[in-house]
Protein backbone atom coordinates (compact mmCIF):
# COMPACT_ATOMS: atom_id res chain seq x y z
CA MET A 1 8.71 -17.48 -3.47
CA SER A 2 8.24 -14.20 -1.59
CA ARG A 3 5.83 -11.54 -2.73
CA THR A 4 7.17 -8.14 -3.72
CA VAL A 5 5.91 -5.01 -1.96
CA LEU A 6 6.15 -1.26 -2.49
CA ILE A 7 5.54 0.72 0.72
CA VAL A 8 4.02 4.18 0.28
CA ASP A 9 3.76 6.52 3.27
CA ASP A 10 4.83 10.10 3.89
CA HIS A 11 6.52 9.21 7.20
CA ALA A 12 9.97 7.65 6.79
CA ALA A 13 9.84 6.13 10.29
CA PHE A 14 6.65 4.24 9.46
CA ARG A 15 8.13 3.02 6.16
CA ALA A 16 11.17 1.70 8.02
CA ARG A 17 9.00 -0.12 10.60
CA ALA A 18 6.73 -1.57 7.91
CA ARG A 19 9.75 -2.69 5.86
CA ALA A 20 11.30 -4.50 8.83
CA LEU A 21 8.01 -6.10 9.84
CA LEU A 22 7.15 -7.33 6.34
CA GLN A 23 10.66 -8.56 5.58
CA ASP A 24 10.65 -10.50 8.85
CA ASP A 25 7.43 -12.15 7.63
CA GLY A 26 8.94 -13.16 4.28
CA PHE A 27 7.88 -10.32 1.99
CA ASP A 28 10.41 -8.77 -0.41
CA VAL A 29 10.17 -4.98 -0.06
CA VAL A 30 11.38 -3.68 -3.42
CA GLY A 31 10.91 0.02 -2.80
CA GLU A 32 9.41 2.93 -0.92
CA ALA A 33 7.74 6.21 -1.84
CA GLY A 34 6.75 9.23 0.22
CA ASP A 35 4.03 10.82 -1.91
CA GLY A 36 1.39 9.94 -4.48
CA GLU A 37 3.26 10.91 -7.64
CA ALA A 38 6.39 9.05 -6.52
CA ALA A 39 4.20 6.03 -5.72
CA VAL A 40 2.77 5.87 -9.24
CA GLU A 41 6.23 6.20 -10.78
CA ALA A 42 7.79 3.62 -8.45
CA ALA A 43 4.99 1.11 -9.07
CA ARG A 44 5.41 1.44 -12.83
CA ARG A 45 9.18 1.09 -12.59
CA LEU A 46 9.43 -1.65 -9.94
CA ARG A 47 6.28 -3.67 -10.85
CA PRO A 48 5.58 -4.90 -7.30
CA GLN A 49 2.90 -7.50 -6.73
CA ILE A 50 1.55 -5.50 -3.76
CA VAL A 51 1.42 -1.79 -2.99
CA LEU A 52 0.93 -0.95 0.68
CA LEU A 53 -0.52 2.54 0.30
CA ASP A 54 -1.26 5.23 2.89
CA VAL A 55 -4.59 6.97 2.34
CA ARG A 56 -3.33 10.44 3.28
CA LEU A 57 -0.37 11.54 1.18
CA PRO A 58 1.05 14.84 -0.03
CA GLY A 59 -0.19 15.69 -3.52
CA ILE A 60 -2.56 13.04 -4.79
CA ASP A 61 -4.08 10.87 -2.08
CA GLY A 62 -3.99 7.09 -1.80
CA PHE A 63 -7.41 6.66 -3.37
CA GLU A 64 -6.30 8.50 -6.52
CA VAL A 65 -3.05 6.52 -6.62
CA ALA A 66 -5.08 3.28 -6.38
CA GLU A 67 -7.25 4.43 -9.31
CA ARG A 68 -4.21 5.24 -11.43
CA LEU A 69 -2.52 1.93 -10.67
CA ALA A 70 -5.71 -0.03 -11.41
CA ALA A 71 -5.93 1.63 -14.83
CA GLY A 72 -2.45 0.46 -15.82
CA PRO A 73 -1.30 -2.81 -17.33
CA GLN A 74 -0.88 -5.68 -14.84
CA PRO A 75 -2.03 -3.66 -11.82
CA PRO A 76 -0.65 -4.65 -8.42
CA ALA A 77 -2.85 -5.57 -5.48
CA VAL A 78 -3.32 -2.35 -3.54
CA VAL A 79 -3.85 -2.43 0.21
CA LEU A 80 -4.74 0.91 1.73
CA ILE A 81 -3.46 1.77 5.21
CA SER A 82 -4.16 4.57 7.65
CA SER A 83 -3.71 5.49 11.28
CA ARG A 84 -7.49 5.97 11.26
CA GLY A 85 -9.97 3.12 11.12
CA ALA A 86 -11.76 1.87 8.02
CA SER A 87 -15.03 3.48 9.16
CA THR A 88 -13.49 6.90 8.51
CA TYR A 89 -13.19 6.04 4.80
CA ARG A 90 -16.19 3.72 4.39
CA GLN A 91 -17.74 5.47 1.37
CA ARG A 92 -14.47 5.90 -0.49
CA LEU A 93 -13.35 2.34 0.24
CA ARG A 94 -16.52 0.96 -1.35
CA GLY A 95 -15.73 2.65 -4.66
CA SER A 96 -12.00 1.99 -4.57
CA PRO A 97 -10.23 -0.62 -6.71
CA ALA A 98 -8.07 -1.44 -3.67
CA THR A 99 -8.01 -5.05 -2.51
CA GLY A 100 -8.57 -4.00 1.08
CA PHE A 101 -7.68 -1.84 4.06
CA ILE A 102 -5.52 -2.37 7.16
CA ALA A 103 -5.20 0.07 10.05
CA LYS A 104 -1.51 0.83 10.61
CA ALA A 105 -1.71 -0.44 14.20
CA GLU A 106 -2.87 -3.83 12.86
CA LEU A 107 -0.27 -4.22 10.12
CA SER A 108 1.48 -7.58 10.05
CA GLY A 109 2.64 -9.97 7.39
CA GLU A 110 -0.03 -12.41 8.51
CA ARG A 111 -2.79 -9.78 8.25
CA LEU A 112 -1.57 -8.72 4.81
CA SER A 113 -1.38 -12.34 3.60
CA SER A 114 -4.89 -13.12 4.84
CA LEU A 115 -6.28 -10.05 3.10
CA LEU A 116 -4.66 -11.08 -0.18
CA ALA A 117 -5.68 -14.76 0.04
């Protein structure tokens, strides 16, 4: 059984690449969102098991989205992503309810699976 994923990033080209990559690795991408508010709404509506969430978004950022999702019923696993490395966000990552972090350049289905294992 494949795991369902919502991809949240403000760049449509990255969302398309991430969708293709994850689907090729057996994930079921159930939706996409381009900003924080749309991400919260889509996660509530689609109920994905995983939210792949960019840190830097228009409106509310990925950290705030992660907080909102964690406060809801049956929260998804949230994996933060960024074109910057984890060291850039070290302090905020420590206090985040997110399951983990992956640099965009390192995104793969295998990397995502190992982080969620």
